[in-house]
Amino acid sequence: MKKKEIVLVIMMGILTVGVIVFGFIYSRNQREELTNSHDYEEISQADSFDERKKKKEEERRAAFLAAFDEKREESTVADFLQYVKYGKGDTAITFFGEVEQDAAWIVDNMNALSNERLFSEMSMNFVSTLDSEEDLEIKTEELVATEPDVVFYFAPLPINEIVDWTWEGEPIEENNVNEIFTAYDLMKQSLPETLVVLVTPPPAESYESEEGTVSYHQTEIDEMIAISEEHGLPVYNLHNQVMTHLTENQLSIESLYGENGELTEESRQLVTDFFFNNLKELKVNTTTAYYLEGEPAEVDIVFDEVLEEEESVEEIIEEESSEEWSEEEVIEEEWSEEEYVEEEEEVDWGWEPPVEEEPTWTPPVVNPTPPTNPTPPTPEPEPNPQPDPEVPSTPEPTPDPEPEESESESSSESELPPEPVEGSDQ
């Protein structure tokens, strides 16, 4: 029995060791299989995640484009940039007008917006008109070369005041509001799919009125806003926003500027906050800009005053030209009459008979003898005039009869020397 038990124990031990070895090998193989399958699942999950992300992005793009087209009259500029990104793949912004070249406060905030909206390919350009002697037309050509999707037009301070007087005592006014919108219209003609946002400047001067402190340019700013609303133009009215802030905090316009006449750091930050809050939150009309499918609305800014002035100028030019034409006709008629008279005078000279001089008596020449002694001259008695000797009359030749006596003949006869009077100098 003992031998059988020993053999049984040994066999059980061998079986146990085999089971353990088999289990270890099986476990290792299972781990390898699990590892390989897990890697495959991770790869497949990553692929499916990218596909789901891409599909989700397409769905979001389609939903955004559809929603944006429905509310184009009330959309933010940030949403319009997103719309352009979905439609074109990239975006371009140009800052034009009274703005510093490569202004840091703009660059920093636009980069922040680019990170928020994932504008991976957004370009920024600056076309400044500050201290520029070039014409606005040349600057506009430079703007067009940047091919922007959005233009922020920083307008100058509007002016409407009397700058001089004419000799007749009439005032000469300077109003650049029409010039501002003429430049805007020129941009839209060159860039029909670009969204041009008009940005009003912050207040610069003030005066006291019955209602309190008022911006010196408030009337012209209100005129600009009225024209923009009439033509459906997007506007960032920084002027009125800053004025509201000053009124609520009982601050003066002069507090915005330092001793050098430039905005202080606090004032610049205030303007920056207003600008970029408008960019993200203020809803404007974007129907005049890029459409993924379709054409943007046209912008045609025409001023009645300009048309009236042009018509009056054309009428004045026509009247002046007609007057000049009539004066030229009168001058030509007078000139032709003078030529006709000259021709007639030349013909009269051709028919003039020869002039015959009448015989005249010439007294003999007497040489006076000078006195031998230098004595003072004594006045000589005046000689008594004697009658002229009778000269035998000779018959004058009768000239051929003429229809009219010419002026030249009468003048020639008047130029004949008079007959001398005979004196008795003995």
Protein backbone atom coordinates (compact mmCIF):
# COMPACT_ATOMS: atom_id res chain seq x y z
CA MET A 1 0.00 0.00 0.00
CA LYS A 2 2.74 2.31 0.78
CA LYS A 3 4.31 1.90 -2.65
CA LYS A 4 0.98 2.59 -4.31
CA GLU A 5 0.47 5.69 -2.22
CA ILE A 6 3.95 6.90 -3.03
CA VAL A 7 3.39 6.37 -6.76
CA LEU A 8 0.02 8.11 -6.51
CA VAL A 9 1.53 11.05 -4.72
CA ILE A 10 4.27 11.33 -7.32
CA MET A 11 1.75 11.17 -10.15
CA MET A 12 -0.42 13.77 -8.48
CA GLY A 13 2.63 15.98 -8.07
CA ILE A 14 3.58 15.61 -11.73
CA LEU A 15 0.00 16.35 -12.76
CA THR A 16 -0.08 19.39 -10.53
CA VAL A 17 3.15 20.72 -11.99
CA GLY A 18 1.83 20.12 -15.52
CA VAL A 19 -1.37 21.91 -14.75
CA ILE A 20 0.56 24.84 -13.30
CA VAL A 21 2.88 25.02 -16.32
CA PHE A 22 -0.02 24.73 -18.73
CA GLY A 23 -1.92 27.39 -16.86
CA PHE A 24 1.07 29.72 -16.95
CA ILE A 25 1.53 29.20 -20.67
CA TYR A 26 -2.16 29.71 -21.33
CA SER A 27 -2.22 32.81 -19.21
CA ARG A 28 0.71 34.27 -21.10
CA ASN A 29 -0.89 33.57 -24.43
CA GLN A 30 -4.12 35.12 -23.28
CA ARG A 31 -2.34 38.21 -22.13
CA GLU A 32 -0.66 38.57 -25.51
CA GLU A 33 -3.94 38.15 -27.31
CA LEU A 34 -5.61 40.64 -25.04
CA THR A 35 -2.81 43.12 -25.58
CA ASN A 36 -3.00 42.84 -29.35
CA SER A 37 -6.75 43.11 -29.37
CA HIS A 38 -6.62 46.16 -27.08
CA ASP A 39 -4.23 47.94 -29.43
CA TYR A 40 -6.50 47.20 -32.33
CA GLU A 41 -9.47 48.47 -30.42
CA GLU A 42 -7.62 51.67 -29.56
CA ILE A 43 -6.75 52.20 -33.21
CA SER A 44 -10.26 51.51 -34.32
CA GLN A 45 -11.62 53.74 -31.59
CA ALA A 46 -9.28 56.55 -32.68
CA ASP A 47 -10.38 56.16 -36.28
CA SER A 48 -13.98 56.13 -35.32
CA PHE A 49 -13.43 59.18 -33.09
CA ASP A 50 -11.93 61.14 -35.97
CA GLU A 51 -14.76 60.09 -38.19
CA ARG A 52 -17.31 61.03 -35.59
CA LYS A 53 -15.55 64.36 -35.04
CA LYS A 54 -15.46 65.08 -38.76
CA LYS A 55 -19.07 64.09 -39.15
CA LYS A 56 -20.05 66.22 -36.19
CA GLU A 57 -18.10 69.15 -37.63
CA GLU A 58 -19.91 68.82 -40.94
CA GLU A 59 -23.24 68.73 -39.18
CA ARG A 60 -22.33 71.77 -37.12
CA ARG A 61 -21.08 73.58 -40.25
CA ALA A 62 -24.29 72.89 -42.15
CA ALA A 63 -26.42 73.96 -39.17
CA PHE A 64 -24.38 77.16 -38.67
CA LEU A 65 -24.51 78.15 -42.34
CA ALA A 66 -28.25 77.59 -42.49
CA ALA A 67 -28.86 79.53 -39.28
CA PHE A 68 -26.55 82.38 -40.31
CA ASP A 69 -28.24 82.86 -43.68
CA GLU A 70 -31.57 83.22 -41.89
CA LYS A 71 -30.34 86.01 -39.60
CA ARG A 72 -27.87 87.91 -41.78
CA GLU A 73 -29.50 91.23 -40.97
CA GLU A 74 -28.65 90.75 -37.29
CA SER A 75 -25.33 88.93 -36.89
CA THR A 76 -22.05 89.66 -35.16
CA VAL A 77 -18.86 90.22 -37.11
CA ALA A 78 -17.30 87.25 -35.26
CA ASP A 79 -20.10 85.04 -36.61
CA PHE A 80 -19.53 86.44 -40.09
CA LEU A 81 -15.84 85.54 -39.84
CA GLN A 82 -16.90 82.03 -38.81
CA TYR A 83 -19.21 81.94 -41.83
CA VAL A 84 -16.35 82.97 -44.12
CA LYS A 85 -14.08 80.32 -42.57
CA TYR A 86 -16.66 77.60 -43.28
CA GLY A 87 -17.12 78.89 -46.81
CA LYS A 88 -13.54 79.72 -47.87
CA GLY A 89 -11.33 77.95 -45.33
CA ASP A 90 -9.46 81.08 -44.26
CA THR A 91 -10.17 84.68 -43.23
CA ALA A 92 -8.51 88.06 -43.84
CA ILE A 93 -9.07 91.32 -41.94
CA THR A 94 -7.80 94.82 -42.79
CA PHE A 95 -7.83 97.84 -40.49
CA PHE A 96 -8.13 101.01 -42.57
CA GLY A 97 -8.16 104.74 -41.83
CA GLU A 98 -7.34 106.62 -38.64
CA VAL A 99 -5.59 103.71 -36.93
CA GLU A 100 -1.97 103.13 -35.96
CA GLN A 101 0.10 100.82 -38.14
CA ASP A 102 0.31 97.36 -36.52
CA ALA A 103 -1.54 98.57 -33.42
CA ALA A 104 -0.67 96.19 -30.58
CA TRP A 105 -4.08 96.50 -28.89
CA ILE A 106 -5.72 95.20 -32.06
CA VAL A 107 -3.24 92.40 -32.79
CA ASP A 108 -3.43 90.95 -29.26
CA ASN A 109 -7.21 90.88 -29.14
CA MET A 110 -7.59 89.50 -32.65
CA ASN A 111 -5.20 86.67 -31.80
CA ALA A 112 -7.34 85.89 -28.76
CA LEU A 113 -10.45 85.79 -30.97
CA SER A 114 -8.63 83.53 -33.42
CA ASN A 115 -7.88 81.05 -30.64
CA GLU A 116 -11.48 81.11 -29.42
CA ARG A 117 -12.99 80.52 -32.86
CA LEU A 118 -10.20 78.24 -34.11
CA PHE A 119 -9.31 80.58 -36.97
CA SER A 120 -6.11 78.77 -37.79
CA GLU A 121 -5.50 80.81 -40.96
CA MET A 122 -6.48 84.40 -40.21
CA SER A 123 -4.37 87.22 -41.69
CA MET A 124 -4.35 90.84 -40.49
CA ASN A 125 -3.31 93.92 -42.46
CA PHE A 126 -3.13 97.63 -41.66
CA VAL A 127 -3.59 100.51 -44.12
CA SER A 128 -3.22 103.68 -42.05
CA THR A 129 -4.10 107.16 -43.28
CA LEU A 130 -2.59 108.91 -40.26
CA ASP A 131 -0.02 111.54 -41.29
CA SER A 132 -0.36 110.41 -44.90
CA GLU A 133 -0.11 112.83 -47.81
CA GLU A 134 -1.32 110.28 -50.36
CA ASP A 135 -4.76 110.60 -51.87
CA LEU A 136 -7.55 108.47 -50.49
CA GLU A 137 -7.88 106.79 -53.88
CA ILE A 138 -4.28 105.53 -53.68
CA LYS A 139 -4.87 104.27 -50.14
CA THR A 140 -8.00 102.50 -51.31
CA GLU A 141 -6.02 100.72 -54.02
CA GLU A 142 -3.59 99.59 -51.33
CA LEU A 143 -6.56 98.33 -49.31
CA VAL A 144 -7.97 96.39 -52.27
CA ALA A 145 -4.62 94.64 -52.75
CA THR A 146 -4.98 92.99 -49.31
CA GLU A 147 -8.15 91.16 -50.48
CA PRO A 148 -9.89 91.35 -47.09
CA ASP A 149 -13.08 89.62 -46.00
CA VAL A 150 -13.72 92.29 -43.35
CA VAL A 151 -12.59 95.93 -43.29
CA PHE A 152 -12.78 98.05 -40.17
CA TYR A 153 -12.93 101.64 -41.47
CA PHE A 154 -11.78 103.95 -38.65
CA ALA A 155 -13.33 107.22 -39.79
CA PRO A 156 -11.80 110.63 -38.98
CA LEU A 157 -13.57 113.16 -36.81
CA PRO A 158 -16.45 114.60 -38.84
CA ILE A 159 -16.22 118.34 -39.55
CA ASN A 160 -18.97 120.75 -40.56
CA GLU A 161 -17.91 124.32 -39.94
CA ILE A 162 -17.19 127.65 -41.64
CA VAL A 163 -13.54 127.83 -42.64
CA ASP A 164 -13.52 131.00 -44.78
CA TRP A 165 -15.60 133.72 -46.42
CA THR A 166 -15.97 134.71 -50.06
CA TRP A 167 -15.54 138.25 -51.42
CA GLU A 168 -19.32 138.48 -51.62
CA GLY A 169 -19.56 137.73 -47.87
CA GLU A 170 -20.87 134.19 -48.26
CA PRO A 171 -19.50 131.52 -45.86
CA ILE A 172 -17.30 128.67 -47.11
CA GLU A 173 -18.16 125.51 -45.18
CA GLU A 174 -16.06 122.37 -44.78
CA ASN A 175 -18.04 119.15 -44.39
CA ASN A 176 -16.16 115.86 -44.64
CA VAL A 177 -19.15 113.62 -43.87
CA ASN A 178 -19.81 113.20 -47.59
CA GLU A 179 -16.12 112.45 -48.14
CA ILE A 180 -16.23 109.71 -45.49
CA PHE A 181 -19.14 107.95 -47.19
CA THR A 182 -17.70 108.56 -50.65
CA ALA A 183 -14.63 106.62 -49.53
CA TYR A 184 -16.90 103.91 -48.11
CA ASP A 185 -18.75 103.66 -51.42
CA LEU A 186 -15.45 103.44 -53.28
CA MET A 187 -14.39 100.51 -51.09
CA LYS A 188 -17.63 98.65 -51.75
CA GLN A 189 -17.36 99.20 -55.48
CA SER A 190 -13.88 97.65 -55.44
CA LEU A 191 -14.70 94.97 -52.82
CA PRO A 192 -18.37 93.97 -53.30
CA GLU A 193 -18.10 90.82 -51.11
CA THR A 194 -16.23 92.50 -48.26
CA LEU A 195 -17.97 93.52 -45.05
CA VAL A 196 -16.94 97.14 -44.38
CA VAL A 197 -17.62 98.19 -40.78
CA LEU A 198 -17.62 101.93 -40.10
CA VAL A 199 -15.98 102.78 -36.75
CA THR A 200 -16.63 106.24 -35.31
CA PRO A 201 -13.78 107.92 -33.40
CA PRO A 202 -13.89 108.65 -29.66
CA PRO A 203 -14.92 112.19 -28.64
CA ALA A 204 -12.18 114.83 -28.71
CA GLU A 205 -13.73 118.19 -27.73
CA SER A 206 -16.72 119.42 -25.77
CA TYR A 207 -18.78 122.53 -25.09
CA GLU A 208 -21.34 123.51 -22.50
CA SER A 209 -24.99 123.65 -23.53
CA GLU A 210 -28.32 123.86 -21.73
CA GLU A 211 -28.35 120.06 -21.49
CA GLY A 212 -24.84 119.94 -20.07
CA THR A 213 -21.52 118.94 -21.59
CA VAL A 214 -21.90 117.94 -25.23
CA SER A 215 -19.38 116.58 -27.71
CA TYR A 216 -18.33 119.18 -30.27
CA HIS A 217 -18.84 116.65 -33.09
CA GLN A 218 -22.10 115.12 -31.82
CA THR A 219 -24.27 116.59 -34.60
CA GLU A 220 -22.03 115.21 -37.34
CA ILE A 221 -21.78 111.82 -35.59
CA ASP A 222 -25.58 111.61 -35.50
CA GLU A 223 -25.64 112.49 -39.19
CA MET A 224 -23.21 109.65 -39.94
CA ILE A 225 -25.31 107.18 -37.97
CA ALA A 226 -28.47 108.29 -39.78
CA ILE A 227 -26.83 107.80 -43.20
CA SER A 228 -25.53 104.37 -42.15
CA GLU A 229 -28.95 103.24 -40.97
CA GLU A 230 -30.54 104.54 -44.16
CA HIS A 231 -28.24 102.42 -46.34
CA GLY A 232 -28.00 99.42 -43.98
CA LEU A 233 -24.29 99.83 -43.20
CA PRO A 234 -22.67 98.14 -40.17
CA VAL A 235 -21.37 100.65 -37.61
CA TYR A 236 -19.39 100.51 -34.37
CA ASN A 237 -20.37 103.79 -32.71
CA LEU A 238 -17.46 104.07 -30.29
CA HIS A 239 -18.08 107.82 -30.00
CA ASN A 240 -21.48 107.48 -28.36
CA GLN A 241 -20.43 104.48 -26.28
CA VAL A 242 -17.55 106.44 -24.77
CA MET A 243 -19.81 109.47 -24.22
CA THR A 244 -22.32 107.29 -22.35
CA HIS A 245 -19.52 105.94 -20.15
CA LEU A 246 -18.30 109.47 -19.38
CA THR A 247 -21.80 110.68 -18.55
CA GLU A 248 -22.56 107.75 -16.25
CA ASN A 249 -19.27 108.21 -14.39
CA GLN A 250 -19.43 112.04 -14.41
CA LEU A 251 -16.18 112.36 -16.32
CA SER A 252 -15.14 114.95 -18.89
CA ILE A 253 -13.95 114.39 -22.43
CA GLU A 254 -10.67 116.07 -21.55
CA SER A 255 -9.96 113.30 -19.02
CA LEU A 256 -9.55 110.84 -21.90
CA TYR A 257 -6.36 112.51 -23.11
CA GLY A 258 -2.95 113.12 -21.60
CA GLU A 259 -0.72 116.15 -21.84
CA ASN A 260 0.59 115.02 -25.23
CA GLY A 261 -2.93 115.03 -26.67
CA GLU A 262 -3.12 111.24 -27.02
CA LEU A 263 -5.40 108.75 -25.28
CA THR A 264 -4.24 107.64 -21.86
CA GLU A 265 -3.72 103.95 -21.08
CA GLU A 266 -7.07 103.77 -19.27
CA SER A 267 -8.84 105.46 -22.17
CA ARG A 268 -7.23 103.19 -24.74
CA GLN A 269 -8.26 100.14 -22.73
CA LEU A 270 -11.80 101.52 -22.57
CA VAL A 271 -11.93 101.91 -26.36
CA THR A 272 -10.41 98.43 -26.80
CA ASP A 273 -13.05 96.83 -24.57
CA PHE A 274 -15.88 98.55 -26.43
CA PHE A 275 -14.46 97.53 -29.81
CA PHE A 276 -14.01 93.82 -29.06
CA ASN A 277 -17.28 93.55 -27.17
CA ASN A 278 -18.94 94.90 -30.30
CA LEU A 279 -17.00 92.39 -32.39
CA LYS A 280 -18.42 89.47 -30.39
CA GLU A 281 -21.81 90.76 -29.26
CA LEU A 282 -23.06 93.71 -31.34
CA LYS A 283 -25.37 92.53 -34.12
CA VAL A 284 -25.04 94.33 -37.43
CA ASN A 285 -26.31 93.97 -40.99
CA THR A 286 -24.11 91.59 -43.03
CA THR A 287 -26.30 91.32 -46.14
CA THR A 288 -23.87 93.52 -48.10
CA ALA A 289 -21.02 90.99 -47.81
CA TYR A 290 -19.98 87.46 -48.82
CA TYR A 291 -22.61 84.79 -49.53
CA LEU A 292 -21.76 81.11 -49.85
CA GLU A 293 -24.58 80.82 -52.36
CA GLY A 294 -25.88 84.01 -53.89
CA GLU A 295 -24.87 87.62 -54.35
CA PRO A 296 -24.52 90.29 -51.64
CA ALA A 297 -26.77 93.32 -51.54
CA GLU A 298 -25.45 96.35 -53.40
CA VAL A 299 -24.39 99.53 -51.63
CA ASP A 300 -25.02 102.73 -53.58
CA ILE A 301 -24.60 105.82 -51.43
CA VAL A 302 -25.92 108.87 -53.28
CA PHE A 303 -26.37 112.23 -51.62
CA ASP A 304 -29.19 114.50 -52.82
CA GLU A 305 -27.09 117.57 -52.07
CA VAL A 306 -24.28 116.24 -54.22
CA LEU A 307 -26.66 115.57 -57.09
CA GLU A 308 -28.14 119.06 -56.82
CA GLU A 309 -24.67 120.59 -56.76
CA GLU A 310 -23.62 118.53 -59.78
CA GLU A 311 -26.74 119.55 -61.69
CA SER A 312 -26.25 123.21 -60.79
CA VAL A 313 -22.59 123.01 -61.78
CA GLU A 314 -23.54 121.41 -65.09
CA GLU A 315 -26.13 124.13 -65.71
CA ILE A 316 -23.60 126.84 -64.88
CA ILE A 317 -21.04 125.23 -67.18
CA GLU A 318 -23.61 125.03 -69.98
CA GLU A 319 -24.59 128.68 -69.47
CA GLU A 320 -20.96 129.77 -69.40
CA SER A 321 -20.19 127.73 -72.50
CA SER A 322 -23.20 129.23 -74.31
CA GLU A 323 -22.16 132.73 -73.23
CA GLU A 324 -18.61 132.08 -74.36
CA TRP A 325 -19.95 130.74 -77.66
CA SER A 326 -22.10 133.82 -78.19
CA GLU A 327 -19.17 136.09 -77.26
CA GLU A 328 -16.97 134.23 -79.73
CA GLU A 329 -19.63 134.69 -82.42
CA VAL A 330 -19.83 138.43 -81.66
CA ILE A 331 -16.03 138.70 -81.73
CA GLU A 332 -15.93 136.81 -85.02
CA GLU A 333 -18.60 139.11 -86.47
CA GLU A 334 -16.70 142.21 -85.31
CA TRP A 335 -13.50 140.75 -86.69
CA SER A 336 -15.16 140.02 -90.03
CA GLU A 337 -16.51 143.60 -90.14
CA GLU A 338 -13.02 144.96 -89.44
CA GLU A 339 -11.59 142.78 -92.19
CA TYR A 340 -14.34 143.98 -94.50
CA VAL A 341 -13.54 147.63 -93.69
CA GLU A 342 -9.84 147.02 -94.22
CA GLU A 343 -10.57 145.40 -97.56
CA GLU A 344 -12.70 148.39 -98.53
CA GLU A 345 -9.92 150.78 -97.48
CA GLU A 346 -7.42 148.86 -99.57
CA VAL A 347 -9.73 149.10 -102.58
CA ASP A 348 -10.11 152.90 -102.02
CA TRP A 349 -6.33 153.28 -101.98
CA GLY A 350 -6.18 151.54 -105.32
CA TRP A 351 -8.64 154.05 -106.86
CA GLU A 352 -7.07 157.19 -105.35
CA PRO A 353 -5.90 159.71 -108.07
CA PRO A 354 -2.43 161.21 -107.90
CA VAL A 355 -2.16 164.27 -105.69
CA GLU A 356 -0.96 167.42 -107.48
CA GLU A 357 0.75 170.05 -105.37
CA GLU A 358 -0.15 173.68 -106.00
CA PRO A 359 2.75 176.05 -106.82
CA THR A 360 3.86 177.97 -103.77
CA TRP A 361 6.07 181.04 -103.40
CA THR A 362 9.28 180.54 -101.45
CA PRO A 363 11.02 183.67 -100.08
CA PRO A 364 14.76 184.11 -100.71
CA VAL A 365 17.12 182.95 -98.04
CA VAL A 366 18.92 185.81 -96.23
CA ASN A 367 22.08 185.04 -94.25
CA PRO A 368 22.29 187.37 -91.24
CA THR A 369 25.66 189.03 -90.60
CA PRO A 370 26.80 188.69 -87.00
CA PRO A 371 27.84 191.93 -85.18
CA THR A 372 31.54 192.68 -84.94
CA ASN A 373 31.45 194.03 -81.39
CA PRO A 374 29.91 191.94 -78.61
CA THR A 375 27.22 194.36 -77.70
CA PRO A 376 23.99 193.34 -76.10
CA PRO A 377 21.33 192.78 -78.67
CA THR A 378 18.77 195.47 -79.07
CA PRO A 379 15.23 194.53 -79.83
CA GLU A 380 14.46 195.07 -83.46
CA PRO A 381 11.24 196.79 -84.36
CA GLU A 382 8.61 194.42 -85.56
CA PRO A 383 8.22 194.75 -89.31
CA ASN A 384 4.89 195.75 -90.65
CA PRO A 385 3.36 192.85 -92.53
CA GLN A 386 2.98 193.46 -96.24
CA PRO A 387 0.38 191.84 -98.42
CA ASP A 388 1.36 188.72 -100.31
CA PRO A 389 2.17 189.27 -103.94
CA GLU A 390 -0.48 188.22 -106.31
CA VAL A 391 0.22 184.86 -107.81
CA PRO A 392 -1.28 184.13 -111.17
CA SER A 393 -3.94 181.57 -110.72
CA THR A 394 -3.65 178.43 -112.71
CA PRO A 395 -6.62 176.21 -113.44
CA GLU A 396 -6.63 173.14 -111.21
CA PRO A 397 -7.10 169.80 -112.91
CA THR A 398 -10.45 168.37 -112.22
CA PRO A 399 -10.14 164.82 -110.86
CA ASP A 400 -12.44 162.05 -111.97
CA PRO A 401 -15.65 161.99 -110.02
CA GLU A 402 -15.72 159.38 -107.24
CA PRO A 403 -18.65 157.98 -105.38
CA GLU A 404 -17.25 158.78 -101.95
CA GLU A 405 -14.24 160.70 -100.74
CA SER A 406 -11.94 158.36 -98.81
CA GLU A 407 -10.61 159.21 -95.44
CA SER A 408 -7.07 158.69 -96.66
CA GLU A 409 -7.47 161.42 -99.30
CA SER A 410 -8.77 163.91 -96.82
CA SER A 411 -5.98 163.07 -94.44
CA SER A 412 -3.36 163.50 -97.19
CA GLU A 413 -4.77 166.93 -98.08
CA SER A 414 -4.75 167.95 -94.45
CA GLU A 415 -1.10 166.99 -94.22
CA LEU A 416 -0.04 169.51 -96.97
CA PRO A 417 2.13 172.33 -95.56
CA PRO A 418 0.50 175.77 -95.29
CA GLU A 419 1.64 178.55 -97.53
CA PRO A 420 4.31 180.68 -95.90
CA VAL A 421 3.73 184.39 -95.30
CA GLU A 422 6.22 186.69 -96.99
CA GLY A 423 8.15 188.90 -94.60
CA SER A 424 10.31 192.00 -95.31
CA ASP A 425 13.60 191.19 -93.61
CA GLN A 426 16.04 193.78 -94.97
